[in-house]
Each structure stands twice: as structure tokens, then as C-alpha cells.
Protein backbone atom coordinates (compact mmCIF):
# COMPACT_ATOMS: atom_id res chain seq x y z
CA MET A 1 -3.14 -6.06 -11.51
CA LEU A 2 -3.15 -4.47 -8.24
CA ILE A 3 -4.43 -7.90 -5.33
CA SER A 4 -6.17 -7.34 -2.58
CA THR A 5 -3.88 -8.40 1.06
CA LYS A 6 -7.39 -9.41 3.12
CA ASP A 7 -6.84 -12.70 3.50
CA PHE A 8 -2.35 -13.19 3.33
CA PRO A 9 -1.08 -14.13 5.93
CA MET A 10 0.38 -11.47 7.45
CA GLU A 11 3.25 -11.03 10.42
CA LEU A 12 2.82 -6.99 10.40
CA MET A 13 -0.05 -6.47 12.30
CA LYS A 14 -3.54 -6.20 9.92
CA LYS A 15 -3.75 -1.56 9.96
CA LEU A 16 0.32 -0.79 9.00
CA THR A 17 -0.14 -3.03 5.87
CA GLU A 18 -1.55 -1.91 2.08
CA LYS A 19 -5.12 -3.22 1.41
CA TYR A 20 -3.59 -3.47 -2.27
CA ILE A 21 -0.21 -4.59 -3.69
CA GLY A 22 1.24 -5.25 -6.66
CA SER A 23 1.45 -4.39 -9.31
CA TYR A 24 0.96 -7.81 -11.39
CA ILE A 25 0.60 -8.73 -14.78
CA VAL A 26 -2.33 -11.70 -15.54
CA LYS A 27 -0.44 -14.80 -16.55
CA LYS A 28 -3.33 -17.04 -17.76
CA ILE A 29 -6.64 -16.64 -17.57
CA ILE A 30 -9.00 -19.62 -16.37
CA SER A 31 -12.29 -19.05 -16.15
CA GLU A 32 -14.21 -16.17 -15.92
CA ILE A 33 -13.78 -15.33 -12.10
CA VAL A 34 -10.60 -17.01 -12.09
CA VAL A 35 -6.80 -15.46 -13.73
CA GLU A 36 -3.07 -16.78 -13.00
CA LEU A 37 -0.90 -14.30 -11.34
CA GLU A 38 2.87 -13.44 -12.36
CA LEU A 39 3.81 -13.49 -8.47
CA LEU A 40 6.33 -12.79 -6.86
CA ALA A 41 8.17 -16.03 -5.08
CA LEU A 42 8.15 -14.31 -1.77
CA LEU A 43 4.90 -13.97 -1.62
CA ARG A 44 4.17 -17.37 -1.20
CA ILE A 45 0.50 -17.47 -1.97
CA HIS A 46 -1.17 -19.66 -5.00
CA PRO A 47 -0.92 -17.32 -8.19
CA VAL A 48 -4.39 -18.71 -9.67
CA VAL A 49 -6.67 -15.87 -7.41
CA ASN A 50 -10.13 -15.13 -7.98
CA MET A 51 -11.07 -12.47 -10.07
CA LYS A 52 -12.98 -10.44 -6.65
CA ARG A 53 -9.23 -10.02 -5.16
CA ILE A 54 -7.69 -8.84 -7.75
CA VAL A 55 -8.10 -4.67 -9.58
CA LYS A 56 -7.28 -3.10 -12.38
CA TYR A 57 -4.26 -0.67 -11.49
CA GLN A 58 -4.86 2.88 -12.11
CA GLU A 59 -1.72 5.55 -12.38
CA GLN A 60 -2.30 8.72 -10.19
CA VAL A 61 -4.05 11.71 -12.32
CA LYS A 62 -1.17 14.60 -13.35
CA ARG A 63 -1.47 17.74 -11.33
CA GLN A 64 -3.49 16.14 -8.94
CA LYS A 65 -2.58 17.74 -5.24
CA LYS A 66 -2.80 16.30 -2.38
CA ILE A 67 -5.41 18.12 0.29
CA LEU A 68 -3.71 17.99 3.33
CA PRO A 69 -5.12 18.22 6.57
CA PRO A 70 -4.37 22.12 8.71
CA LEU A 71 -1.95 23.24 10.87
CA VAL A 72 -2.93 22.59 14.65
CA GLU A 73 -1.19 24.55 17.06
CA ILE A 74 -1.45 23.92 20.64
CA GLU A 75 0.20 26.92 23.49
CA GLU A 76 0.38 24.46 26.26
CA GLU A 77 3.28 22.81 24.31
CA LYS A 78 6.68 23.69 26.15
CA LYS A 79 8.98 25.35 23.32
CA TYR A 80 12.84 25.77 23.42
CA GLU A 81 15.09 27.70 22.21
CA VAL A 82 19.05 25.80 20.97
CA LYS A 83 21.83 28.18 21.79
CA LYS A 84 24.52 26.53 20.36
CA ILE A 85 25.70 23.13 18.71
CA LEU A 86 27.96 21.17 20.68
CA ASP A 87 28.82 18.50 18.68
CA LYS A 88 28.99 18.01 14.57
């Protein structure tokens, strides 16, 4: 299971953090909407979480292609040619 970082107290900038972290094992199902997870102690959050905060972990599909955006060429950019490297 992956757990949402939406309400985590983060010292880092929110924009740079992952939406979900994990994967964690469900230790115990407490009710229909609450589960207890096996979490690392350094997360410093309570291990009992609401079901809306977790999602099932799915592995990446084999042979899935990552389509990268096309390169953009800028003609106005200065280019330099290296003649000699002085220090190794």
C-alpha cells in the first residue's frame, strides 16, 4: 500500500515531495474505513490511517515506453568549443 503525503508535516517544499510514498504492509484492518500500517519510525505519524489516504501499489507495466518531450533548439544560445583540457 502507498500512503498519501497530503497531510504530512513536511520540512521540504510541498511541490518537491511525492504524492504517495511506500510501499507499506497492512498490519491490521480495524474497521471498514480504518487500517493499521507497518510504518517506519522515522515517518513520525500514527500508524492507524483512513482508507482514503492509501492506495494499492501497482508495478509498472513491462515494456511500457516513457515518451519524452521533443528537444527544443535555441539558436540564440552561445556555444563554446573546448580546445584543450588543462587539468584531469
